Amino acid sequence: MFRLIWTASVHTRYFLRRYMPTNIALDAIRTRRGLRWGVPAMLLALPYLYGASVVTTLIADGAPDWLHLVVLILVWNAMKFTVMGPVSLFLLVRARTSESRDRRIERHATTAGARA
């Protein structure tokens, strides 16, 4: 039974990682070229929160209770984009620091090789 649950969760995670638009966008932001788009991507949280507000209003006006799941998904996606902004800034600073250090080491090795 444990193996069945484990396999189902692995396949569900793979499907969500591969085909859900927010996960595709966040994977693109996590690349070196996409890190600069992390803070502007935080703005994508606003439509998700607005959608959650609209669906919550619909629920309050008598819509089916299963729409609470839609609200949960919308809020979760908003939180993912909100958190990705500061995380991408940290990753960008770390990448630029690493690149600067590598350039400095390469420049030092080139000048040391020219002296010898």
C-alpha atoms as a PDB file:
ATOM      1  CA  MET A   1       0.000   0.000   0.000  1.00  0.00           C
ATOM      2  CA  PHE A   2       2.829   2.370   0.873  1.00  0.00           C
ATOM      3  CA  ARG A   3       4.461   1.682  -2.495  1.00  0.00           C
ATOM      4  CA  LEU A   4       1.212   2.492  -4.325  1.00  0.00           C
ATOM      5  CA  ILE A   5       0.836   5.804  -2.490  1.00  0.00           C
ATOM      6  CA  TRP A   6       4.487   6.653  -3.112  1.00  0.00           C
ATOM      7  CA  THR A   7       4.194   5.877  -6.832  1.00  0.00           C
ATOM      8  CA  ALA A   8       0.994   7.894  -7.151  1.00  0.00           C
ATOM      9  CA  SER A   9       2.577  10.903  -5.439  1.00  0.00           C
ATOM     10  CA  VAL A  10       5.672  10.708  -7.659  1.00  0.00           C
ATOM     11  CA  HIS A  11       3.573  10.607 -10.814  1.00  0.00           C
ATOM     12  CA  THR A  12       1.352  13.438  -9.582  1.00  0.00           C
ATOM     13  CA  ARG A  13       4.374  15.581  -8.796  1.00  0.00           C
ATOM     14  CA  TYR A  14       5.867  14.858 -12.225  1.00  0.00           C
ATOM     15  CA  PHE A  15       2.610  15.803 -13.952  1.00  0.00           C
ATOM     16  CA  LEU A  16       2.244  19.043 -11.977  1.00  0.00           C
ATOM     17  CA  ARG A  17       5.902  19.961 -12.485  1.00  0.00           C
ATOM     18  CA  ARG A  18       5.743  19.317 -16.206  1.00  0.00           C
ATOM     19  CA  TYR A  19       2.374  20.685 -17.309  1.00  0.00           C
ATOM     20  CA  MET A  20       1.058  23.298 -14.872  1.00  0.00           C
ATOM     21  CA  PRO A  21       1.686  26.868 -16.115  1.00  0.00           C
ATOM     22  CA  THR A  22       2.814  28.315 -12.789  1.00  0.00           C
ATOM     23  CA  ASN A  23       5.396  25.584 -12.304  1.00  0.00           C
ATOM     24  CA  ILE A  24       6.682  26.061 -15.854  1.00  0.00           C
ATOM     25  CA  ALA A  25       7.009  29.809 -15.241  1.00  0.00           C
ATOM     26  CA  LEU A  26       8.767  29.320 -11.908  1.00  0.00           C
ATOM     27  CA  ASP A  27      11.175  26.801 -13.450  1.00  0.00           C
ATOM     28  CA  ALA A  28      11.994  29.361 -16.140  1.00  0.00           C
ATOM     29  CA  ILE A  29      12.595  32.027 -13.491  1.00  0.00           C
ATOM     30  CA  ARG A  30      15.001  29.737 -11.613  1.00  0.00           C
ATOM     31  CA  THR A  31      17.365  29.555 -14.608  1.00  0.00           C
ATOM     32  CA  ARG A  32      20.299  31.980 -14.750  1.00  0.00           C
ATOM     33  CA  ARG A  33      18.703  33.981 -17.553  1.00  0.00           C
ATOM     34  CA  GLY A  34      15.344  34.112 -15.786  1.00  0.00           C
ATOM     35  CA  LEU A  35      16.519  35.272 -12.364  1.00  0.00           C
ATOM     36  CA  ARG A  36      16.075  38.914 -13.309  1.00  0.00           C
ATOM     37  CA  TRP A  37      12.347  38.289 -13.871  1.00  0.00           C
ATOM     38  CA  GLY A  38      11.685  37.116 -10.309  1.00  0.00           C
ATOM     39  CA  VAL A  39      10.642  40.473  -8.888  1.00  0.00           C
ATOM     40  CA  PRO A  40       8.380  41.418 -11.836  1.00  0.00           C
ATOM     41  CA  ALA A  41       6.862  37.928 -11.608  1.00  0.00           C
ATOM     42  CA  MET A  42       5.700  38.824  -8.119  1.00  0.00           C
ATOM     43  CA  LEU A  43       3.102  40.993  -9.843  1.00  0.00           C
ATOM     44  CA  LEU A  44       1.501  37.803 -11.169  1.00  0.00           C
ATOM     45  CA  ALA A  45       0.351  37.139  -7.621  1.00  0.00           C
ATOM     46  CA  LEU A  46      -2.148  39.986  -7.915  1.00  0.00           C
ATOM     47  CA  PRO A  47      -4.420  38.349 -10.538  1.00  0.00           C
ATOM     48  CA  TYR A  48      -4.359  35.118  -8.538  1.00  0.00           C
ATOM     49  CA  LEU A  49      -5.399  36.944  -5.385  1.00  0.00           C
ATOM     50  CA  TYR A  50      -8.097  38.812  -7.292  1.00  0.00           C
ATOM     51  CA  GLY A  51      -9.374  35.518  -8.677  1.00  0.00           C
ATOM     52  CA  ALA A  52      -9.424  34.054  -5.178  1.00  0.00           C
ATOM     53  CA  SER A  53     -11.395  37.078  -3.996  1.00  0.00           C
ATOM     54  CA  VAL A  54     -13.933  36.683  -6.808  1.00  0.00           C
ATOM     55  CA  VAL A  55     -14.384  32.966  -6.159  1.00  0.00           C
ATOM     56  CA  THR A  56     -14.719  33.603  -2.419  1.00  0.00           C
ATOM     57  CA  THR A  57     -17.468  36.110  -3.167  1.00  0.00           C
ATOM     58  CA  LEU A  58     -19.188  33.536  -5.374  1.00  0.00           C
ATOM     59  CA  ILE A  59     -19.015  30.993  -2.559  1.00  0.00           C
ATOM     60  CA  ALA A  60     -20.492  33.496  -0.124  1.00  0.00           C
ATOM     61  CA  ASP A  61     -23.345  34.117  -2.570  1.00  0.00           C
ATOM     62  CA  GLY A  62     -24.253  30.439  -2.703  1.00  0.00           C
ATOM     63  CA  ALA A  63     -21.892  28.793  -5.197  1.00  0.00           C
ATOM     64  CA  PRO A  64     -20.869  25.144  -4.603  1.00  0.00           C
ATOM     65  CA  ASP A  65     -18.507  24.412  -1.735  1.00  0.00           C
ATOM     66  CA  TRP A  66     -16.002  22.599  -3.958  1.00  0.00           C
ATOM     67  CA  LEU A  67     -14.904  26.051  -5.140  1.00  0.00           C
ATOM     68  CA  HIS A  68     -12.955  26.276  -1.895  1.00  0.00           C
ATOM     69  CA  LEU A  69     -10.389  24.044  -3.645  1.00  0.00           C
ATOM     70  CA  VAL A  70     -10.122  26.606  -6.445  1.00  0.00           C
ATOM     71  CA  VAL A  71      -9.530  29.323  -3.848  1.00  0.00           C
ATOM     72  CA  LEU A  72      -6.844  27.172  -2.239  1.00  0.00           C
ATOM     73  CA  ILE A  73      -5.079  26.651  -5.577  1.00  0.00           C
ATOM     74  CA  LEU A  74      -5.266  30.351  -6.460  1.00  0.00           C
ATOM     75  CA  VAL A  75      -3.862  31.430  -3.097  1.00  0.00           C
ATOM     76  CA  TRP A  76      -1.137  28.765  -3.285  1.00  0.00           C
ATOM     77  CA  ASN A  77      -0.053  30.003  -6.732  1.00  0.00           C
ATOM     78  CA  ALA A  78      -0.044  33.597  -5.480  1.00  0.00           C
ATOM     79  CA  MET A  79       2.180  32.594  -2.580  1.00  0.00           C
ATOM     80  CA  LYS A  80       4.579  30.776  -4.924  1.00  0.00           C
ATOM     81  CA  PHE A  81       5.057  33.880  -7.059  1.00  0.00           C
ATOM     82  CA  THR A  82       5.312  36.159  -4.012  1.00  0.00           C
ATOM     83  CA  VAL A  83       8.047  34.032  -2.456  1.00  0.00           C
ATOM     84  CA  MET A  84       9.909  33.642  -5.752  1.00  0.00           C
ATOM     85  CA  GLY A  85      10.692  37.382  -5.914  1.00  0.00           C
ATOM     86  CA  PRO A  86      13.028  37.564  -2.909  1.00  0.00           C
ATOM     87  CA  VAL A  87      14.389  34.081  -3.617  1.00  0.00           C
ATOM     88  CA  SER A  88      15.304  35.077  -7.173  1.00  0.00           C
ATOM     89  CA  LEU A  89      17.028  38.217  -5.880  1.00  0.00           C
ATOM     90  CA  PHE A  90      19.122  36.108  -3.524  1.00  0.00           C
ATOM     91  CA  LEU A  91      19.952  33.627  -6.304  1.00  0.00           C
ATOM     92  CA  LEU A  92      20.814  36.474  -8.691  1.00  0.00           C
ATOM     93  CA  VAL A  93      23.189  38.082  -6.194  1.00  0.00           C
ATOM     94  CA  ARG A  94      24.792  34.708  -5.531  1.00  0.00           C
ATOM     95  CA  ALA A  95      25.191  34.000  -9.270  1.00  0.00           C
ATOM     96  CA  ARG A  96      26.666  37.421 -10.010  1.00  0.00           C
ATOM     97  CA  THR A  97      29.068  37.112  -7.078  1.00  0.00           C
ATOM     98  CA  SER A  98      30.187  33.709  -8.319  1.00  0.00           C
ATOM     99  CA  GLU A  99      30.614  34.991 -11.873  1.00  0.00           C
ATOM    100  CA  SER A 100      32.595  37.990 -10.640  1.00  0.00           C
ATOM    101  CA  ARG A 101      34.838  35.738  -8.573  1.00  0.00           C
ATOM    102  CA  ASP A 102      35.391  33.435 -11.565  1.00  0.00           C
ATOM    103  CA  ARG A 103      36.288  36.398 -13.815  1.00  0.00           C
ATOM    104  CA  ARG A 104      38.694  37.713 -11.204  1.00  0.00           C
ATOM    105  CA  ILE A 105      40.376  34.308 -10.860  1.00  0.00           C
ATOM    106  CA  GLU A 106      40.608  33.947 -14.635  1.00  0.00           C
ATOM    107  CA  ARG A 107      42.049  37.438 -15.012  1.00  0.00           C
ATOM    108  CA  HIS A 108      44.578  36.704 -12.272  1.00  0.00           C
ATOM    109  CA  ALA A 109      45.568  33.400 -13.895  1.00  0.00           C
ATOM    110  CA  THR A 110      45.975  35.119 -17.274  1.00  0.00           C
ATOM    111  CA  THR A 111      48.197  37.864 -15.909  1.00  0.00           C
ATOM    112  CA  ALA A 112      50.224  35.323 -13.874  1.00  0.00           C
ATOM    113  CA  GLY A 113      50.691  33.195 -17.004  1.00  0.00           C
ATOM    114  CA  ALA A 114      51.859  36.241 -18.998  1.00  0.00           C
ATOM    115  CA  ARG A 115      54.526  37.061 -16.374  1.00  0.00           C
ATOM    116  CA  ALA A 116      56.029  33.580 -16.422  1.00  0.00           C
END
